[in-house]
PDB file of N, CA and C in Angstrom:
ATOM      1  N   MET A   1       9.693 -11.077 -19.087  1.00  0.00           N
ATOM      2  CA  MET A   1       9.519  -9.710 -18.626  1.00  0.00           C
ATOM      3  C   MET A   1       9.418  -8.758 -19.815  1.00  0.00           C
ATOM      4  N   LEU A   2      10.115  -9.048 -20.903  1.00  0.00           N
ATOM      5  CA  LEU A   2      10.066  -8.145 -22.047  1.00  0.00           C
ATOM      6  C   LEU A   2       8.705  -8.146 -22.712  1.00  0.00           C
ATOM      7  N   ALA A   3       7.881  -9.130 -22.428  1.00  0.00           N
ATOM      8  CA  ALA A   3       6.535  -9.140 -22.968  1.00  0.00           C
ATOM      9  C   ALA A   3       5.652  -8.142 -22.224  1.00  0.00           C
ATOM     10  N   HIS A   4       6.104  -7.672 -21.082  1.00  0.00           N
ATOM     11  CA  HIS A   4       5.350  -6.689 -20.308  1.00  0.00           C
ATOM     12  C   HIS A   4       5.510  -5.318 -20.938  1.00  0.00           C
ATOM     13  N   ARG A   5       4.520  -4.481 -20.716  1.00  0.00           N
ATOM     14  CA  ARG A   5       4.631  -3.134 -21.284  1.00  0.00           C
ATOM     15  C   ARG A   5       5.260  -2.183 -20.266  1.00  0.00           C
ATOM     16  N   GLY A   6       5.847  -1.131 -20.764  1.00  0.00           N
ATOM     17  CA  GLY A   6       6.414  -0.102 -19.899  1.00  0.00           C
ATOM     18  C   GLY A   6       7.626  -0.547 -19.102  1.00  0.00           C
ATOM     19  N   VAL A   7       8.427  -1.440 -19.641  1.00  0.00           N
ATOM     20  CA  VAL A   7       9.600  -1.924 -18.912  1.00  0.00           C
ATOM     21  C   VAL A   7      10.714  -0.879 -18.957  1.00  0.00           C
ATOM     22  N   GLU A   8      11.319  -0.635 -17.783  1.00  0.00           N
ATOM     23  CA  GLU A   8      12.468   0.245 -17.661  1.00  0.00           C
ATOM     24  C   GLU A   8      13.597  -0.536 -16.993  1.00  0.00           C
ATOM     25  N   ILE A   9      14.825  -0.144 -17.257  1.00  0.00           N
ATOM     26  CA  ILE A   9      15.983  -0.807 -16.670  1.00  0.00           C
ATOM     27  C   ILE A   9      16.652   0.134 -15.678  1.00  0.00           C
ATOM     28  N   PHE A  10      16.980  -0.407 -14.512  1.00  0.00           N
ATOM     29  CA  PHE A  10      17.718   0.319 -13.491  1.00  0.00           C
ATOM     30  C   PHE A  10      19.001  -0.464 -13.237  1.00  0.00           C
ATOM     31  N   VAL A  11      20.144   0.158 -13.528  1.00  0.00           N
ATOM     32  CA  VAL A  11      21.434  -0.512 -13.366  1.00  0.00           C
ATOM     33  C   VAL A  11      21.912  -0.291 -11.932  1.00  0.00           C
ATOM     34  N   GLU A  12      22.245  -1.405 -11.280  1.00  0.00           N
ATOM     35  CA  GLU A  12      22.750  -1.353  -9.912  1.00  0.00           C
ATOM     36  C   GLU A  12      24.258  -1.605  -9.939  1.00  0.00           C
ATOM     37  N   PRO A  13      25.034  -0.764  -9.279  1.00  0.00           N
ATOM     38  CA  PRO A  13      26.490  -0.908  -9.342  1.00  0.00           C
ATOM     39  C   PRO A  13      26.977  -2.168  -8.621  1.00  0.00           C
ATOM     40  N   ARG A  14      28.149  -2.593  -9.003  1.00  0.00           N
ATOM     41  CA  ARG A  14      28.799  -3.718  -8.351  1.00  0.00           C
ATOM     42  C   ARG A  14      29.074  -3.352  -6.896  1.00  0.00           C
ATOM     43  N   THR A  15      28.908  -4.328  -6.008  1.00  0.00           N
ATOM     44  CA  THR A  15      29.235  -4.141  -4.601  1.00  0.00           C
ATOM     45  C   THR A  15      30.254  -5.203  -4.199  1.00  0.00           C
ATOM     46  N   THR A  16      30.638  -5.209  -2.930  1.00  0.00           N
ATOM     47  CA  THR A  16      31.572  -6.235  -2.461  1.00  0.00           C
ATOM     48  C   THR A  16      30.907  -7.608  -2.426  1.00  0.00           C
ATOM     49  N   VAL A  17      29.590  -7.638  -2.415  1.00  0.00           N
ATOM     50  CA  VAL A  17      28.847  -8.897  -2.325  1.00  0.00           C
ATOM     51  C   VAL A  17      28.321  -9.368  -3.678  1.00  0.00           C
ATOM     52  N   THR A  18      27.886  -8.446  -4.527  1.00  0.00           N
ATOM     53  CA  THR A  18      27.299  -8.812  -5.819  1.00  0.00           C
ATOM     54  C   THR A  18      27.968  -8.054  -6.956  1.00  0.00           C
ATOM     55  N   GLY A  19      27.859  -8.617  -8.142  1.00  0.00           N
ATOM     56  CA  GLY A  19      28.343  -7.937  -9.330  1.00  0.00           C
ATOM     57  C   GLY A  19      27.334  -6.906  -9.800  1.00  0.00           C
ATOM     58  N   THR A  20      27.608  -6.279 -10.917  1.00  0.00           N
ATOM     59  CA  THR A  20      26.679  -5.326 -11.512  1.00  0.00           C
ATOM     60  C   THR A  20      25.396  -6.055 -11.891  1.00  0.00           C
ATOM     61  N   THR A  21      24.261  -5.460 -11.579  1.00  0.00           N
ATOM     62  CA  THR A  21      22.976  -6.059 -11.924  1.00  0.00           C
ATOM     63  C   THR A  21      22.106  -5.029 -12.617  1.00  0.00           C
ATOM     64  N   MET A  22      21.137  -5.551 -13.373  1.00  0.00           N
ATOM     65  CA  MET A  22      20.123  -4.659 -13.945  1.00  0.00           C
ATOM     66  C   MET A  22      18.774  -5.145 -13.442  1.00  0.00           C
ATOM     67  N   LEU A  23      17.987  -4.191 -13.055  1.00  0.00           N
ATOM     68  CA  LEU A  23      16.651  -4.453 -12.545  1.00  0.00           C
ATOM     69  C   LEU A  23      15.679  -4.044 -13.634  1.00  0.00           C
ATOM     70  N   LEU A  24      14.862  -4.984 -14.110  1.00  0.00           N
ATOM     71  CA  LEU A  24      13.859  -4.675 -15.125  1.00  0.00           C
ATOM     72  C   LEU A  24      12.531  -4.494 -14.403  1.00  0.00           C
ATOM     73  N   VAL A  25      11.924  -3.330 -14.546  1.00  0.00           N
ATOM     74  CA  VAL A  25      10.698  -2.998 -13.834  1.00  0.00           C
ATOM     75  C   VAL A  25       9.592  -2.697 -14.842  1.00  0.00           C
ATOM     76  N   ALA A  26       8.479  -3.431 -14.739  1.00  0.00           N
ATOM     77  CA  ALA A  26       7.337  -3.233 -15.641  1.00  0.00           C
ATOM     78  C   ALA A  26       6.455  -2.085 -15.147  1.00  0.00           C
ATOM     79  N   HIS A  27       5.481  -1.713 -15.958  1.00  0.00           N
ATOM     80  CA  HIS A  27       4.597  -0.587 -15.625  1.00  0.00           C
ATOM     81  C   HIS A  27       3.840  -0.795 -14.327  1.00  0.00           C
ATOM     82  N   ASP A  28       3.537  -2.059 -13.982  1.00  0.00           N
ATOM     83  CA  ASP A  28       2.760  -2.335 -12.769  1.00  0.00           C
ATOM     84  C   ASP A  28       3.639  -2.556 -11.546  1.00  0.00           C
ATOM     85  N   GLY A  29       4.963  -2.470 -11.725  1.00  0.00           N
ATOM     86  CA  GLY A  29       5.881  -2.630 -10.610  1.00  0.00           C
ATOM     87  C   GLY A  29       6.508  -4.005 -10.506  1.00  0.00           C
ATOM     88  N   GLU A  30       6.000  -4.969 -11.292  1.00  0.00           N
ATOM     89  CA  GLU A  30       6.624  -6.289 -11.285  1.00  0.00           C
ATOM     90  C   GLU A  30       8.068  -6.115 -11.745  1.00  0.00           C
ATOM     91  N   PHE A  31       8.980  -6.842 -11.105  1.00  0.00           N
ATOM     92  CA  PHE A  31      10.388  -6.649 -11.444  1.00  0.00           C
ATOM     93  C   PHE A  31      11.166  -7.954 -11.356  1.00  0.00           C
ATOM     94  N   THR A  32      12.311  -7.936 -12.024  1.00  0.00           N
ATOM     95  CA  THR A  32      13.253  -9.043 -11.960  1.00  0.00           C
ATOM     96  C   THR A  32      14.656  -8.463 -12.024  1.00  0.00           C
ATOM     97  N   ARG A  33      15.572  -9.102 -11.348  1.00  0.00           N
ATOM     98  CA  ARG A  33      16.963  -8.641 -11.288  1.00  0.00           C
ATOM     99  C   ARG A  33      17.842  -9.667 -11.995  1.00  0.00           C
ATOM    100  N   ARG A  34      18.753  -9.188 -12.841  1.00  0.00           N
ATOM    101  CA  ARG A  34      19.658 -10.056 -13.571  1.00  0.00           C
ATOM    102  C   ARG A  34      21.081  -9.505 -13.496  1.00  0.00           C
ATOM    103  N   GLN A  35      22.024 -10.394 -13.267  1.00  0.00           N
ATOM    104  CA  GLN A  35      23.412  -9.977 -13.236  1.00  0.00           C
ATOM    105  C   GLN A  35      23.907  -9.739 -14.657  1.00  0.00           C
ATOM    106  N   VAL A  36      24.715  -8.697 -14.832  1.00  0.00           N
ATOM    107  CA  VAL A  36      25.320  -8.382 -16.124  1.00  0.00           C
ATOM    108  C   VAL A  36      26.819  -8.202 -15.917  1.00  0.00           C
ATOM    109  N   ALA A  37      27.565  -8.304 -16.989  1.00  0.00           N
ATOM    110  CA  ALA A  37      29.027  -8.201 -16.897  1.00  0.00           C
ATOM    111  C   ALA A  37      29.476  -6.831 -16.395  1.00  0.00           C
ATOM    112  N   ASN A  38      28.796  -5.787 -16.887  1.00  0.00           N
ATOM    113  CA  ASN A  38      29.162  -4.414 -16.522  1.00  0.00           C
ATOM    114  C   ASN A  38      28.045  -3.480 -16.984  1.00  0.00           C
ATOM    115  N   PRO A  39      28.100  -2.212 -16.583  1.00  0.00           N
ATOM    116  CA  PRO A  39      27.053  -1.271 -17.010  1.00  0.00           C
ATOM    117  C   PRO A  39      26.924  -1.151 -18.527  1.00  0.00           C
ATOM    118  N   ALA A  40      28.024  -1.307 -19.252  1.00  0.00           N
ATOM    119  CA  ALA A  40      27.958  -1.222 -20.714  1.00  0.00           C
ATOM    120  C   ALA A  40      27.114  -2.354 -21.294  1.00  0.00           C
ATOM    121  N   ALA A  41      27.182  -3.531 -20.687  1.00  0.00           N
ATOM    122  CA  ALA A  41      26.365  -4.654 -21.147  1.00  0.00           C
ATOM    123  C   ALA A  41      24.882  -4.361 -20.921  1.00  0.00           C
ATOM    124  N   ALA A  42      24.556  -3.741 -19.800  1.00  0.00           N
ATOM    125  CA  ALA A  42      23.165  -3.359 -19.531  1.00  0.00           C
ATOM    126  C   ALA A  42      22.701  -2.320 -20.548  1.00  0.00           C
ATOM    127  N   ALA A  43      23.573  -1.369 -20.870  1.00  0.00           N
ATOM    128  CA  ALA A  43      23.232  -0.342 -21.859  1.00  0.00           C
ATOM    129  C   ALA A  43      23.017  -0.955 -23.237  1.00  0.00           C
ATOM    130  N   ALA A  44      23.840  -1.923 -23.597  1.00  0.00           N
ATOM    131  CA  ALA A  44      23.683  -2.594 -24.890  1.00  0.00           C
ATOM    132  C   ALA A  44      22.355  -3.345 -24.935  1.00  0.00           C
ATOM    133  N   PHE A  45      21.994  -4.005 -23.839  1.00  0.00           N
ATOM    134  CA  PHE A  45      20.716  -4.708 -23.754  1.00  0.00           C
ATOM    135  C   PHE A  45      19.562  -3.716 -23.909  1.00  0.00           C
ATOM    136  N   ALA A  46      19.661  -2.593 -23.223  1.00  0.00           N
ATOM    137  CA  ALA A  46      18.613  -1.563 -23.304  1.00  0.00           C
ATOM    138  C   ALA A  46      18.463  -1.045 -24.738  1.00  0.00           C
ATOM    139  N   ARG A  47      19.575  -0.782 -25.391  1.00  0.00           N
ATOM    140  CA  ARG A  47      19.529  -0.311 -26.790  1.00  0.00           C
ATOM    141  C   ARG A  47      18.908  -1.358 -27.700  1.00  0.00           C
ATOM    142  N   ALA A  48      19.310  -2.615 -27.519  1.00  0.00           N
ATOM    143  CA  ALA A  48      18.804  -3.694 -28.374  1.00  0.00           C
ATOM    144  C   ALA A  48      17.298  -3.868 -28.238  1.00  0.00           C
ATOM    145  N   HIS A  49      16.764  -3.552 -27.070  1.00  0.00           N
ATOM    146  CA  HIS A  49      15.327  -3.738 -26.829  1.00  0.00           C
ATOM    147  C   HIS A  49      14.585  -2.411 -26.722  1.00  0.00           C
ATOM    148  N   THR A  50      15.263  -1.332 -27.068  1.00  0.00           N
ATOM    149  CA  THR A  50      14.721   0.033 -27.007  1.00  0.00           C
ATOM    150  C   THR A  50      13.998   0.306 -25.691  1.00  0.00           C
ATOM    151  N   LEU A  51      14.715   0.067 -24.607  1.00  0.00           N
ATOM    152  CA  LEU A  51      14.179   0.305 -23.267  1.00  0.00           C
ATOM    153  C   LEU A  51      14.923   1.462 -22.613  1.00  0.00           C
ATOM    154  N   PRO A  52      14.203   2.280 -21.847  1.00  0.00           N
ATOM    155  CA  PRO A  52      14.893   3.350 -21.116  1.00  0.00           C
ATOM    156  C   PRO A  52      15.760   2.749 -20.014  1.00  0.00           C
ATOM    157  N   ILE A  53      16.897   3.382 -19.743  1.00  0.00           N
ATOM    158  CA  ILE A  53      17.834   2.865 -18.748  1.00  0.00           C
ATOM    159  C   ILE A  53      18.249   3.990 -17.809  1.00  0.00           C
ATOM    160  N   TYR A  54      18.354   3.658 -16.516  1.00  0.00           N
ATOM    161  CA  TYR A  54      18.705   4.631 -15.482  1.00  0.00           C
ATOM    162  C   TYR A  54      19.738   4.017 -14.547  1.00  0.00           C
ATOM    163  N   GLU A  55      20.502   4.857 -13.886  1.00  0.00           N
ATOM    164  CA  GLU A  55      21.411   4.392 -12.844  1.00  0.00           C
ATOM    165  C   GLU A  55      20.651   4.441 -11.523  1.00  0.00           C
ATOM    166  N   ALA A  56      20.449   3.286 -10.912  1.00  0.00           N
ATOM    167  CA  ALA A  56      19.680   3.214  -9.669  1.00  0.00           C
ATOM    168  C   ALA A  56      20.310   4.059  -8.568  1.00  0.00           C
ATOM    169  N   ALA A  57      21.639   4.136  -8.532  1.00  0.00           N
ATOM    170  CA  ALA A  57      22.317   4.914  -7.496  1.00  0.00           C
ATOM    171  C   ALA A  57      22.061   6.415  -7.643  1.00  0.00           C
ATOM    172  N   VAL A  58      21.694   6.842  -8.851  1.00  0.00           N
ATOM    173  CA  VAL A  58      21.450   8.259  -9.110  1.00  0.00           C
ATOM    174  C   VAL A  58      19.965   8.601  -8.945  1.00  0.00           C
ATOM    175  N   VAL A  59      19.091   7.812  -9.580  1.00  0.00           N
ATOM    176  CA  VAL A  59      17.668   8.168  -9.598  1.00  0.00           C
ATOM    177  C   VAL A  59      16.840   7.408  -8.558  1.00  0.00           C
ATOM    178  N   GLY A  60      17.404   6.379  -7.954  1.00  0.00           N
ATOM    179  CA  GLY A  60      16.642   5.577  -6.992  1.00  0.00           C
ATOM    180  C   GLY A  60      15.748   4.574  -7.717  1.00  0.00           C
ATOM    181  N   TYR A  61      14.864   3.954  -6.942  1.00  0.00           N
ATOM    182  CA  TYR A  61      13.962   2.942  -7.482  1.00  0.00           C
ATOM    183  C   TYR A  61      12.549   3.505  -7.577  1.00  0.00           C
ATOM    184  N   PRO A  62      11.768   3.055  -8.565  1.00  0.00           N
ATOM    185  CA  PRO A  62      10.416   3.595  -8.723  1.00  0.00           C
ATOM    186  C   PRO A  62       9.485   3.127  -7.600  1.00  0.00           C
ATOM    187  N   GLN A  63       8.620   4.016  -7.177  1.00  0.00           N
ATOM    188  CA  GLN A  63       7.656   3.705  -6.118  1.00  0.00           C
ATOM    189  C   GLN A  63       6.781   2.515  -6.506  1.00  0.00           C
ATOM    190  N   ARG A  64       6.461   2.390  -7.791  1.00  0.00           N
ATOM    191  CA  ARG A  64       5.583   1.296  -8.220  1.00  0.00           C
ATOM    192  C   ARG A  64       6.185  -0.074  -7.906  1.00  0.00           C
ATOM    193  N   MET A  65       7.506  -0.153  -7.856  1.00  0.00           N
ATOM    194  CA  MET A  65       8.179  -1.405  -7.517  1.00  0.00           C
ATOM    195  C   MET A  65       7.934  -1.755  -6.042  1.00  0.00           C
ATOM    196  N   ARG A  66       8.064  -0.785  -5.170  1.00  0.00           N
ATOM    197  CA  ARG A  66       7.795  -1.010  -3.742  1.00  0.00           C
ATOM    198  C   ARG A  66       6.321  -1.338  -3.512  1.00  0.00           C
ATOM    199  N   ASP A  67       5.450  -0.649  -4.235  1.00  0.00           N
ATOM    200  CA  ASP A  67       4.013  -0.917  -4.109  1.00  0.00           C
ATOM    201  C   ASP A  67       3.688  -2.343  -4.547  1.00  0.00           C
ATOM    202  N   TYR A  68       4.311  -2.803  -5.618  1.00  0.00           N
ATOM    203  CA  TYR A  68       4.096  -4.165  -6.106  1.00  0.00           C
ATOM    204  C   TYR A  68       4.536  -5.180  -5.051  1.00  0.00           C
ATOM    205  N   SER A  69       5.699  -4.966  -4.470  1.00  0.00           N
ATOM    206  CA  SER A  69       6.192  -5.882  -3.433  1.00  0.00           C
ATOM    207  C   SER A  69       5.237  -5.930  -2.244  1.00  0.00           C
ATOM    208  N   ARG A  70       4.724  -4.784  -1.860  1.00  0.00           N
ATOM    209  CA  ARG A  70       3.768  -4.723  -0.748  1.00  0.00           C
ATOM    210  C   ARG A  70       2.486  -5.484  -1.088  1.00  0.00           C
ATOM    211  N   ARG A  71       1.971  -5.293  -2.310  1.00  0.00           N
ATOM    212  CA  ARG A  71       0.753  -6.003  -2.734  1.00  0.00           C
ATOM    213  C   ARG A  71       0.976  -7.513  -2.734  1.00  0.00           C
ATOM    214  N   GLN A  72       2.127  -7.944  -3.230  1.00  0.00           N
ATOM    215  CA  GLN A  72       2.417  -9.382  -3.269  1.00  0.00           C
ATOM    216  C   GLN A  72       2.515  -9.962  -1.867  1.00  0.00           C
ATOM    217  N   SER A  73       3.072  -9.201  -0.949  1.00  0.00           N
ATOM    218  CA  SER A  73       3.177  -9.652   0.441  1.00  0.00           C
ATOM    219  C   SER A  73       1.789  -9.840   1.050  1.00  0.00           C
ATOM    220  N   VAL A  74       0.893  -8.894   0.807  1.00  0.00           N
ATOM    221  CA  VAL A  74      -0.480  -8.991   1.310  1.00  0.00           C
ATOM    222  C   VAL A  74      -1.179 -10.211   0.709  1.00  0.00           C
ATOM    223  N   LEU A  75      -1.005 -10.410  -0.590  1.00  0.00           N
ATOM    224  CA  LEU A  75      -1.646 -11.559  -1.247  1.00  0.00           C
ATOM    225  C   LEU A  75      -1.115 -12.888  -0.706  1.00  0.00           C
ATOM    226  N   ARG A  76       0.189 -12.965  -0.437  1.00  0.00           N
ATOM    227  CA  ARG A  76       0.763 -14.195   0.140  1.00  0.00           C
ATOM    228  C   ARG A  76       0.203 -14.463   1.531  1.00  0.00           C
ATOM    229  N   LYS A  77       0.076 -13.409   2.334  1.00  0.00           N
ATOM    230  CA  LYS A  77      -0.470 -13.567   3.694  1.00  0.00           C
ATOM    231  C   LYS A  77      -1.927 -14.014   3.641  1.00  0.00           C
ATOM    232  N   ARG A  78      -2.694 -13.443   2.718  1.00  0.00           N
ATOM    233  CA  ARG A  78      -4.098 -13.850   2.577  1.00  0.00           C
ATOM    234  C   ARG A  78      -4.213 -15.306   2.146  1.00  0.00           C
ATOM    235  N   ALA A  79      -3.356 -15.703   1.196  1.00  0.00           N
ATOM    236  CA  ALA A  79      -3.366 -17.093   0.717  1.00  0.00           C
ATOM    237  C   ALA A  79      -3.001 -18.044   1.840  1.00  0.00           C
ATOM    238  N   ALA A  80      -2.036 -17.682   2.666  1.00  0.00           N
ATOM    239  CA  ALA A  80      -1.638 -18.530   3.790  1.00  0.00           C
ATOM    240  C   ALA A  80      -2.760 -18.623   4.809  1.00  0.00           C
ATOM    241  N   ALA A  81      -3.437 -17.501   5.047  1.00  0.00           N
ATOM    242  CA  ALA A  81      -4.555 -17.501   5.999  1.00  0.00           C
ATOM    243  C   ALA A  81      -5.705 -18.365   5.473  1.00  0.00           C
ATOM    244  N   ASP A  82      -5.974 -18.284   4.165  1.00  0.00           N
ATOM    245  CA  ASP A  82      -7.027 -19.105   3.545  1.00  0.00           C
ATOM    246  C   ASP A  82      -6.675 -20.582   3.656  1.00  0.00           C
ATOM    247  N   ALA A  83      -5.420 -20.903   3.447  1.00  0.00           N
ATOM    248  CA  ALA A  83      -4.987 -22.301   3.517  1.00  0.00           C
ATOM    249  C   ALA A  83      -5.110 -22.838   4.932  1.00  0.00           C
ATOM    250  N   ASP A  84      -4.920 -21.963   5.922  1.00  0.00           N
ATOM    251  CA  ASP A  84      -5.033 -22.370   7.320  1.00  0.00           C
ATOM    252  C   ASP A  84      -6.479 -22.334   7.818  1.00  0.00           C
ATOM    253  N   GLY A  85      -7.372 -21.777   6.994  1.00  0.00           N
ATOM    254  CA  GLY A  85      -8.784 -21.672   7.373  1.00  0.00           C
ATOM    255  C   GLY A  85      -9.045 -20.545   8.348  1.00  0.00           C
ATOM    256  N   ASP A  86      -8.187 -19.535   8.366  1.00  0.00           N
ATOM    257  CA  ASP A  86      -8.328 -18.421   9.303  1.00  0.00           C
ATOM    258  C   ASP A  86      -9.300 -17.356   8.841  1.00  0.00           C
ATOM    259  N   ARG A  87      -9.883 -17.517   7.692  1.00  0.00           N
ATOM    260  CA  ARG A  87     -10.790 -16.462   7.206  1.00  0.00           C
ATOM    261  C   ARG A  87     -12.203 -16.874   7.307  1.00  0.00           C
TER     262      ARG A  87
END
């Protein structure tokens, strides 16, 4: 993911179900989620890689991430339809 351009980090707070996580989001909306020990660890990672960091609970998630998920869903459905010969 770090090879992608325009990567930003969104720190997600610990919940009763999951620990603290950081969401790395590329310029095109592709994303990956990784568990971290605490928000300070995410901040240290961001500093080490000179990436901007945000608190997801404060700023929310970028629209490009939702758009990417929607595009991937459409592509998966098309691929399944092609495999079934529905097109």
